[in-house]
Amino acid sequence: MQMKMFHSALGLLVLTSSTLMIEVSAVGLHLTVSGKPKLGILVLHHLIGVAVAFVNRWREWRKCISDAGKVMKQSGIQVSETSPPVI
């Protein structure tokens, strides 16, 4: 995992990247209604990598089930009650 930090006059910006998720966090000081400083954190998650990994796993799982069904048909096992056994 790579981690990069950038400092600015407004606050701290942290960029974190990994193979599954990229997270961007911005930390800064904000004033409340009473005038007191309050630490505010804005976080933005890019879940594109997570979604892609999930879809790839889903496709692999479906392919595995499909391959198992083909093997069952070729070996002569009845796949369902409505279909005749394949020999």
PDB file of N, CA and C in Angstrom:
ATOM      1  N   MET A   1       0.846  -1.173   0.000  1.00  0.00           N
ATOM      2  CA  MET A   1       0.000   0.000   0.000  1.00  0.00           C
ATOM      3  C   MET A   1       0.888   1.232   0.000  1.00  0.00           C
ATOM      4  N   GLN A   2       0.577   2.172  -0.875  1.00  0.00           N
ATOM      5  CA  GLN A   2       1.321   3.414  -0.933  1.00  0.00           C
ATOM      6  C   GLN A   2       0.544   4.487  -0.194  1.00  0.00           C
ATOM      7  N   MET A   3       1.258   5.337   0.496  1.00  0.00           N
ATOM      8  CA  MET A   3       0.595   6.425   1.214  1.00  0.00           C
ATOM      9  C   MET A   3       1.364   7.709   0.962  1.00  0.00           C
ATOM     10  N   LYS A   4       0.663   8.742   0.515  1.00  0.00           N
ATOM     11  CA  LYS A   4       1.282  10.032   0.245  1.00  0.00           C
ATOM     12  C   LYS A   4       0.555  11.079   1.066  1.00  0.00           C
ATOM     13  N   MET A   5       1.304  12.008   1.633  1.00  0.00           N
ATOM     14  CA  MET A   5       0.707  13.086   2.427  1.00  0.00           C
ATOM     15  C   MET A   5       1.121  14.420   1.824  1.00  0.00           C
ATOM     16  N   PHE A   6       0.154  15.311   1.690  1.00  0.00           N
ATOM     17  CA  PHE A   6       0.410  16.649   1.193  1.00  0.00           C
ATOM     18  C   PHE A   6      -0.072  17.647   2.241  1.00  0.00           C
ATOM     19  N   HIS A   7       0.786  18.571   2.626  1.00  0.00           N
ATOM     20  CA  HIS A   7       0.419  19.605   3.596  1.00  0.00           C
ATOM     21  C   HIS A   7       0.126  20.899   2.845  1.00  0.00           C
ATOM     22  N   SER A   8      -0.888  21.598   3.286  1.00  0.00           N
ATOM     23  CA  SER A   8      -1.197  22.900   2.697  1.00  0.00           C
ATOM     24  C   SER A   8      -1.547  23.872   3.819  1.00  0.00           C
ATOM     25  N   ALA A   9      -1.738  25.128   3.460  1.00  0.00           N
ATOM     26  CA  ALA A   9      -2.071  26.145   4.459  1.00  0.00           C
ATOM     27  C   ALA A   9      -3.469  25.917   5.034  1.00  0.00           C
ATOM     28  N   LEU A  10      -4.357  25.277   4.281  1.00  0.00           N
ATOM     29  CA  LEU A  10      -5.730  25.062   4.737  1.00  0.00           C
ATOM     30  C   LEU A  10      -5.879  23.823   5.609  1.00  0.00           C
ATOM     31  N   GLY A  11      -4.976  22.913   5.535  1.00  0.00           N
ATOM     32  CA  GLY A  11      -5.111  21.692   6.330  1.00  0.00           C
ATOM     33  C   GLY A  11      -4.191  20.604   5.814  1.00  0.00           C
ATOM     34  N   LEU A  12      -4.615  19.382   5.992  1.00  0.00           N
ATOM     35  CA  LEU A  12      -3.811  18.223   5.634  1.00  0.00           C
ATOM     36  C   LEU A  12      -4.606  17.381   4.653  1.00  0.00           C
ATOM     37  N   LEU A  13      -3.994  16.986   3.564  1.00  0.00           N
ATOM     38  CA  LEU A  13      -4.631  16.134   2.569  1.00  0.00           C
ATOM     39  C   LEU A  13      -3.869  14.823   2.523  1.00  0.00           C
ATOM     40  N   VAL A  14      -4.565  13.732   2.734  1.00  0.00           N
ATOM     41  CA  VAL A  14      -3.938  12.415   2.764  1.00  0.00           C
ATOM     42  C   VAL A  14      -4.483  11.599   1.608  1.00  0.00           C
ATOM     43  N   LEU A  15      -3.598  11.088   0.775  1.00  0.00           N
ATOM     44  CA  LEU A  15      -3.993  10.216  -0.328  1.00  0.00           C
ATOM     45  C   LEU A  15      -3.474   8.820  -0.041  1.00  0.00           C
ATOM     46  N   THR A  16      -4.362   7.860  -0.013  1.00  0.00           N
ATOM     47  CA  THR A  16      -3.999   6.479   0.235  1.00  0.00           C
ATOM     48  C   THR A  16      -4.469   5.652  -0.944  1.00  0.00           C
ATOM     49  N   SER A  17      -3.608   4.820  -1.476  1.00  0.00           N
ATOM     50  CA  SER A  17      -4.036   3.977  -2.587  1.00  0.00           C
ATOM     51  C   SER A  17      -3.632   2.538  -2.332  1.00  0.00           C
ATOM     52  N   SER A  18      -4.473   1.637  -2.753  1.00  0.00           N
ATOM     53  CA  SER A  18      -4.188   0.214  -2.682  1.00  0.00           C
ATOM     54  C   SER A  18      -4.817  -0.428  -3.901  1.00  0.00           C
ATOM     55  N   THR A  19      -4.707  -1.751  -4.012  1.00  0.00           N
ATOM     56  CA  THR A  19      -5.266  -2.421  -5.175  1.00  0.00           C
ATOM     57  C   THR A  19      -6.782  -2.441  -5.141  1.00  0.00           C
ATOM     58  N   LEU A  20      -7.393  -2.391  -3.968  1.00  0.00           N
ATOM     59  CA  LEU A  20      -8.842  -2.495  -3.877  1.00  0.00           C
ATOM     60  C   LEU A  20      -9.549  -1.165  -3.688  1.00  0.00           C
ATOM     61  N   MET A  21      -8.942  -0.226  -3.021  1.00  0.00           N
ATOM     62  CA  MET A  21      -9.654   1.015  -2.728  1.00  0.00           C
ATOM     63  C   MET A  21      -8.687   2.185  -2.697  1.00  0.00           C
ATOM     64  N   ILE A  22      -9.152   3.311  -3.173  1.00  0.00           N
ATOM     65  CA  ILE A  22      -8.402   4.562  -3.078  1.00  0.00           C
ATOM     66  C   ILE A  22      -9.206   5.474  -2.170  1.00  0.00           C
ATOM     67  N   GLU A  23      -8.572   6.004  -1.175  1.00  0.00           N
ATOM     68  CA  GLU A  23      -9.262   6.857  -0.209  1.00  0.00           C
ATOM     69  C   GLU A  23      -8.603   8.223  -0.202  1.00  0.00           C
ATOM     70  N   VAL A  24      -9.408   9.246  -0.260  1.00  0.00           N
ATOM     71  CA  VAL A  24      -8.911  10.611  -0.185  1.00  0.00           C
ATOM     72  C   VAL A  24      -9.523  11.254   1.047  1.00  0.00           C
ATOM     73  N   SER A  25      -8.687  11.751   1.927  1.00  0.00           N
ATOM     74  CA  SER A  25      -9.163  12.404   3.146  1.00  0.00           C
ATOM     75  C   SER A  25      -8.627  13.828   3.182  1.00  0.00           C
ATOM     76  N   ALA A  26      -9.477  14.753   3.513  1.00  0.00           N
ATOM     77  CA  ALA A  26      -9.056  16.144   3.681  1.00  0.00           C
ATOM     78  C   ALA A  26      -9.370  16.555   5.109  1.00  0.00           C
ATOM     79  N   VAL A  27      -8.361  17.012   5.818  1.00  0.00           N
ATOM     80  CA  VAL A  27      -8.529  17.428   7.207  1.00  0.00           C
ATOM     81  C   VAL A  27      -8.243  18.920   7.270  1.00  0.00           C
ATOM     82  N   GLY A  28      -9.147  19.665   7.864  1.00  0.00           N
ATOM     83  CA  GLY A  28      -8.942  21.104   7.955  1.00  0.00           C
ATOM     84  C   GLY A  28      -9.626  21.684   9.166  1.00  0.00           C
ATOM     85  N   LEU A  29      -9.240  22.893   9.507  1.00  0.00           N
ATOM     86  CA  LEU A  29      -9.861  23.588  10.634  1.00  0.00           C
ATOM     87  C   LEU A  29     -10.991  24.470  10.121  1.00  0.00           C
ATOM     88  N   HIS A  30     -12.141  24.360  10.764  1.00  0.00           N
ATOM     89  CA  HIS A  30     -13.303  25.172  10.424  1.00  0.00           C
ATOM     90  C   HIS A  30     -13.751  25.897  11.685  1.00  0.00           C
ATOM     91  N   LEU A  31     -14.341  27.046  11.514  1.00  0.00           N
ATOM     92  CA  LEU A  31     -14.860  27.798  12.656  1.00  0.00           C
ATOM     93  C   LEU A  31     -16.323  27.445  12.885  1.00  0.00           C
ATOM     94  N   THR A  32     -16.679  27.227  14.150  1.00  0.00           N
ATOM     95  CA  THR A  32     -18.071  26.976  14.507  1.00  0.00           C
ATOM     96  C   THR A  32     -18.806  28.304  14.614  1.00  0.00           C
ATOM     97  N   VAL A  33     -20.096  28.253  14.902  1.00  0.00           N
ATOM     98  CA  VAL A  33     -20.899  29.474  15.034  1.00  0.00           C
ATOM     99  C   VAL A  33     -20.361  30.357  16.151  1.00  0.00           C
ATOM    100  N   SER A  34     -19.872  29.737  17.222  1.00  0.00           N
ATOM    101  CA  SER A  34     -19.345  30.519  18.347  1.00  0.00           C
ATOM    102  C   SER A  34     -17.955  31.083  18.075  1.00  0.00           C
ATOM    103  N   GLY A  35     -17.344  30.720  16.944  1.00  0.00           N
ATOM    104  CA  GLY A  35     -16.029  31.238  16.604  1.00  0.00           C
ATOM    105  C   GLY A  35     -14.886  30.343  17.017  1.00  0.00           C
ATOM    106  N   LYS A  36     -15.191  29.215  17.674  1.00  0.00           N
ATOM    107  CA  LYS A  36     -14.140  28.286  18.089  1.00  0.00           C
ATOM    108  C   LYS A  36     -13.725  27.412  16.902  1.00  0.00           C
ATOM    109  N   PRO A  37     -12.431  27.115  16.802  1.00  0.00           N
ATOM    110  CA  PRO A  37     -11.997  26.239  15.713  1.00  0.00           C
ATOM    111  C   PRO A  37     -12.457  24.797  15.960  1.00  0.00           C
ATOM    112  N   LYS A  38     -12.855  24.151  14.900  1.00  0.00           N
ATOM    113  CA  LYS A  38     -13.297  22.763  14.980  1.00  0.00           C
ATOM    114  C   LYS A  38     -12.607  21.990  13.864  1.00  0.00           C
ATOM    115  N   LEU A  39     -12.082  20.825  14.210  1.00  0.00           N
ATOM    116  CA  LEU A  39     -11.410  19.990  13.227  1.00  0.00           C
ATOM    117  C   LEU A  39     -12.464  19.285  12.389  1.00  0.00           C
ATOM    118  N   GLY A  40     -12.409  19.486  11.094  1.00  0.00           N
ATOM    119  CA  GLY A  40     -13.363  18.848  10.191  1.00  0.00           C
ATOM    120  C   GLY A  40     -12.653  17.883   9.269  1.00  0.00           C
ATOM    121  N   ILE A  41     -13.273  16.757   9.036  1.00  0.00           N
ATOM    122  CA  ILE A  41     -12.686  15.736   8.169  1.00  0.00           C
ATOM    123  C   ILE A  41     -13.685  15.421   7.058  1.00  0.00           C
ATOM    124  N   LEU A  42     -13.245  15.564   5.830  1.00  0.00           N
ATOM    125  CA  LEU A  42     -14.045  15.200   4.669  1.00  0.00           C
ATOM    126  C   LEU A  42     -13.390  13.983   4.026  1.00  0.00           C
ATOM    127  N   VAL A  43     -14.143  12.924   3.881  1.00  0.00           N
ATOM    128  CA  VAL A  43     -13.581  11.684   3.343  1.00  0.00           C
ATOM    129  C   VAL A  43     -14.346  11.302   2.088  1.00  0.00           C
ATOM    130  N   LEU A  44     -13.622  10.977   1.048  1.00  0.00           N
ATOM    131  CA  LEU A  44     -14.212  10.531  -0.203  1.00  0.00           C
ATOM    132  C   LEU A  44     -13.620   9.174  -0.546  1.00  0.00           C
ATOM    133  N   HIS A  45     -14.462   8.168  -0.662  1.00  0.00           N
ATOM    134  CA  HIS A  45     -14.001   6.822  -0.990  1.00  0.00           C
ATOM    135  C   HIS A  45     -14.293   6.543  -2.461  1.00  0.00           C
ATOM    136  N   HIS A  46     -13.307   6.061  -3.161  1.00  0.00           N
ATOM    137  CA  HIS A  46     -13.487   5.606  -4.533  1.00  0.00           C
ATOM    138  C   HIS A  46     -13.554   4.085  -4.471  1.00  0.00           C
ATOM    139  N   LEU A  47     -14.741   3.555  -4.608  1.00  0.00           N
ATOM    140  CA  LEU A  47     -14.934   2.113  -4.469  1.00  0.00           C
ATOM    141  C   LEU A  47     -14.917   1.400  -5.813  1.00  0.00           C
ATOM    142  N   ILE A  48     -14.374   2.046  -6.820  1.00  0.00           N
ATOM    143  CA  ILE A  48     -14.342   1.429  -8.141  1.00  0.00           C
ATOM    144  C   ILE A  48     -13.533   0.139  -8.098  1.00  0.00           C
ATOM    145  N   GLY A  49     -12.399   0.171  -7.436  1.00  0.00           N
ATOM    146  CA  GLY A  49     -11.572  -1.033  -7.348  1.00  0.00           C
ATOM    147  C   GLY A  49     -12.284  -2.163  -6.634  1.00  0.00           C
ATOM    148  N   VAL A  50     -13.006  -1.852  -5.571  1.00  0.00           N
ATOM    149  CA  VAL A  50     -13.752  -2.868  -4.831  1.00  0.00           C
ATOM    150  C   VAL A  50     -14.851  -3.441  -5.707  1.00  0.00           C
ATOM    151  N   ALA A  51     -15.553  -2.577  -6.438  1.00  0.00           N
ATOM    152  CA  ALA A  51     -16.630  -3.049  -7.309  1.00  0.00           C
ATOM    153  C   ALA A  51     -16.089  -3.949  -8.407  1.00  0.00           C
ATOM    154  N   VAL A  52     -14.959  -3.584  -8.987  1.00  0.00           N
ATOM    155  CA  VAL A  52     -14.356  -4.403 -10.040  1.00  0.00           C
ATOM    156  C   VAL A  52     -13.936  -5.755  -9.486  1.00  0.00           C
ATOM    157  N   ALA A  53     -13.335  -5.770  -8.305  1.00  0.00           N
ATOM    158  CA  ALA A  53     -12.931  -7.039  -7.693  1.00  0.00           C
ATOM    159  C   ALA A  53     -14.145  -7.912  -7.411  1.00  0.00           C
ATOM    160  N   PHE A  54     -15.245  -7.314  -6.946  1.00  0.00           N
ATOM    161  CA  PHE A  54     -16.465  -8.075  -6.670  1.00  0.00           C
ATOM    162  C   PHE A  54     -17.033  -8.672  -7.954  1.00  0.00           C
ATOM    163  N   VAL A  55     -17.076  -7.879  -9.026  1.00  0.00           N
ATOM    164  CA  VAL A  55     -17.612  -8.368 -10.300  1.00  0.00           C
ATOM    165  C   VAL A  55     -16.751  -9.494 -10.836  1.00  0.00           C
ATOM    166  N   ASN A  56     -15.432  -9.370 -10.727  1.00  0.00           N
ATOM    167  CA  ASN A  56     -14.551 -10.437 -11.201  1.00  0.00           C
ATOM    168  C   ASN A  56     -14.786 -11.725 -10.429  1.00  0.00           C
ATOM    169  N   ARG A  57     -14.953 -11.628  -9.110  1.00  0.00           N
ATOM    170  CA  ARG A  57     -15.245 -12.824  -8.316  1.00  0.00           C
ATOM    171  C   ARG A  57     -16.582 -13.415  -8.718  1.00  0.00           C
ATOM    172  N   TRP A  58     -17.586 -12.567  -8.947  1.00  0.00           N
ATOM    173  CA  TRP A  58     -18.915 -13.021  -9.356  1.00  0.00           C
ATOM    174  C   TRP A  58     -18.827 -13.758 -10.693  1.00  0.00           C
ATOM    175  N   ARG A  59     -18.087 -13.207 -11.645  1.00  0.00           N
ATOM    176  CA  ARG A  59     -17.935 -13.862 -12.951  1.00  0.00           C
ATOM    177  C   ARG A  59     -17.231 -15.205 -12.810  1.00  0.00           C
ATOM    178  N   GLU A  60     -16.185 -15.262 -12.000  1.00  0.00           N
ATOM    179  CA  GLU A  60     -15.478 -16.527 -11.785  1.00  0.00           C
ATOM    180  C   GLU A  60     -16.398 -17.560 -11.151  1.00  0.00           C
ATOM    181  N   TRP A  61     -17.213 -17.132 -10.192  1.00  0.00           N
ATOM    182  CA  TRP A  61     -18.139 -18.038  -9.525  1.00  0.00           C
ATOM    183  C   TRP A  61     -19.168 -18.571 -10.517  1.00  0.00           C
ATOM    184  N   ARG A  62     -19.728 -17.685 -11.345  1.00  0.00           N
ATOM    185  CA  ARG A  62     -20.721 -18.117 -12.337  1.00  0.00           C
ATOM    186  C   ARG A  62     -20.092 -19.048 -13.357  1.00  0.00           C
ATOM    187  N   LYS A  63     -18.859 -18.796 -13.769  1.00  0.00           N
ATOM    188  CA  LYS A  63     -18.172 -19.666 -14.723  1.00  0.00           C
ATOM    189  C   LYS A  63     -17.949 -21.038 -14.105  1.00  0.00           C
ATOM    190  N   CYS A  64     -17.585 -21.066 -12.834  1.00  0.00           N
ATOM    191  CA  CYS A  64     -17.370 -22.332 -12.138  1.00  0.00           C
ATOM    192  C   CYS A  64     -18.668 -23.134 -12.082  1.00  0.00           C
ATOM    193  N   ILE A  65     -19.788 -22.478 -11.761  1.00  0.00           N
ATOM    194  CA  ILE A  65     -21.088 -23.154 -11.712  1.00  0.00           C
ATOM    195  C   ILE A  65     -21.466 -23.651 -13.099  1.00  0.00           C
ATOM    196  N   SER A  66     -21.222 -22.845 -14.124  1.00  0.00           N
ATOM    197  CA  SER A  66     -21.529 -23.235 -15.501  1.00  0.00           C
ATOM    198  C   SER A  66     -20.704 -24.450 -15.911  1.00  0.00           C
ATOM    199  N   ASP A  67     -19.411 -24.441 -15.578  1.00  0.00           N
ATOM    200  CA  ASP A  67     -18.546 -25.581 -15.899  1.00  0.00           C
ATOM    201  C   ASP A  67     -19.002 -26.837 -15.174  1.00  0.00           C
ATOM    202  N   ALA A  68     -19.441 -26.692 -13.917  1.00  0.00           N
ATOM    203  CA  ALA A  68     -19.927 -27.849 -13.161  1.00  0.00           C
ATOM    204  C   ALA A  68     -21.182 -28.412 -13.812  1.00  0.00           C
ATOM    205  N   GLY A  69     -22.059 -27.545 -14.309  1.00  0.00           N
ATOM    206  CA  GLY A  69     -23.263 -27.999 -15.004  1.00  0.00           C
ATOM    207  C   GLY A  69     -22.932 -28.753 -16.267  1.00  0.00           C
ATOM    208  N   LYS A  70     -21.925 -28.303 -17.010  1.00  0.00           N
ATOM    209  CA  LYS A  70     -21.510 -29.003 -18.230  1.00  0.00           C
ATOM    210  C   LYS A  70     -20.968 -30.385 -17.902  1.00  0.00           C
ATOM    211  N   VAL A  71     -20.200 -30.481 -16.831  1.00  0.00           N
ATOM    212  CA  VAL A  71     -19.643 -31.778 -16.429  1.00  0.00           C
ATOM    213  C   VAL A  71     -20.766 -32.719 -16.031  1.00  0.00           C
ATOM    214  N   MET A  72     -21.779 -32.204 -15.304  1.00  0.00           N
ATOM    215  CA  MET A  72     -22.906 -33.039 -14.896  1.00  0.00           C
ATOM    216  C   MET A  72     -23.667 -33.550 -16.112  1.00  0.00           C
ATOM    217  N   LYS A  73     -23.869 -32.727 -17.125  1.00  0.00           N
ATOM    218  CA  LYS A  73     -24.573 -33.146 -18.333  1.00  0.00           C
ATOM    219  C   LYS A  73     -23.781 -34.218 -19.074  1.00  0.00           C
ATOM    220  N   GLN A  74     -22.473 -34.066 -19.139  1.00  0.00           N
ATOM    221  CA  GLN A  74     -21.646 -35.013 -19.874  1.00  0.00           C
ATOM    222  C   GLN A  74     -21.538 -36.353 -19.166  1.00  0.00           C
ATOM    223  N   SER A  75     -21.699 -36.374 -17.845  1.00  0.00           N
ATOM    224  CA  SER A  75     -21.534 -37.628 -17.115  1.00  0.00           C
ATOM    225  C   SER A  75     -22.830 -38.420 -17.001  1.00  0.00           C
ATOM    226  N   GLY A  76     -23.965 -37.910 -17.502  1.00  0.00           N
ATOM    227  CA  GLY A  76     -25.209 -38.659 -17.492  1.00  0.00           C
ATOM    228  C   GLY A  76     -26.071 -38.427 -16.276  1.00  0.00           C
ATOM    229  N   ILE A  77     -25.806 -37.426 -15.470  1.00  0.00           N
ATOM    230  CA  ILE A  77     -26.607 -37.125 -14.284  1.00  0.00           C
ATOM    231  C   ILE A  77     -27.763 -36.226 -14.694  1.00  0.00           C
ATOM    232  N   GLN A  78     -28.965 -36.504 -14.173  1.00  0.00           N
ATOM    233  CA  GLN A  78     -30.123 -35.673 -14.476  1.00  0.00           C
ATOM    234  C   GLN A  78     -29.972 -34.337 -13.762  1.00  0.00           C
ATOM    235  N   VAL A  79     -30.007 -33.251 -14.536  1.00  0.00           N
ATOM    236  CA  VAL A  79     -29.775 -31.925 -13.993  1.00  0.00           C
ATOM    237  C   VAL A  79     -31.002 -31.415 -13.242  1.00  0.00           C
ATOM    238  N   SER A  80     -32.202 -31.643 -13.766  1.00  0.00           N
ATOM    239  CA  SER A  80     -33.427 -31.212 -13.090  1.00  0.00           C
ATOM    240  C   SER A  80     -34.511 -32.258 -13.296  1.00  0.00           C
ATOM    241  N   GLU A  81     -35.611 -32.113 -12.570  1.00  0.00           N
ATOM    242  CA  GLU A  81     -36.697 -33.081 -12.668  1.00  0.00           C
ATOM    243  C   GLU A  81     -37.389 -33.024 -14.025  1.00  0.00           C
ATOM    244  N   THR A  82     -37.416 -31.874 -14.665  1.00  0.00           N
ATOM    245  CA  THR A  82     -38.114 -31.729 -15.943  1.00  0.00           C
ATOM    246  C   THR A  82     -37.266 -32.152 -17.130  1.00  0.00           C
ATOM    247  N   SER A  83     -35.973 -32.166 -16.993  1.00  0.00           N
ATOM    248  CA  SER A  83     -35.128 -32.549 -18.124  1.00  0.00           C
ATOM    249  C   SER A  83     -34.785 -34.033 -18.036  1.00  0.00           C
ATOM    250  N   PRO A  84     -34.727 -34.710 -19.171  1.00  0.00           N
ATOM    251  CA  PRO A  84     -34.359 -36.134 -19.156  1.00  0.00           C
ATOM    252  C   PRO A  84     -32.877 -36.295 -18.852  1.00  0.00           C
ATOM    253  N   PRO A  85     -32.488 -37.439 -18.312  1.00  0.00           N
ATOM    254  CA  PRO A  85     -31.058 -37.644 -18.048  1.00  0.00           C
ATOM    255  C   PRO A  85     -30.261 -37.664 -19.347  1.00  0.00           C
ATOM    256  N   VAL A  86     -29.114 -37.077 -19.307  1.00  0.00           N
ATOM    257  CA  VAL A  86     -28.231 -37.035 -20.472  1.00  0.00           C
ATOM    258  C   VAL A  86     -27.236 -38.172 -20.339  1.00  0.00           C
ATOM    259  N   ILE A  87     -27.152 -39.004 -21.377  1.00  0.00           N
ATOM    260  CA  ILE A  87     -26.236 -40.166 -21.316  1.00  0.00           C
ATOM    261  C   ILE A  87     -25.141 -40.016 -22.341  1.00  0.00           C
TER     262      ILE A  87
END
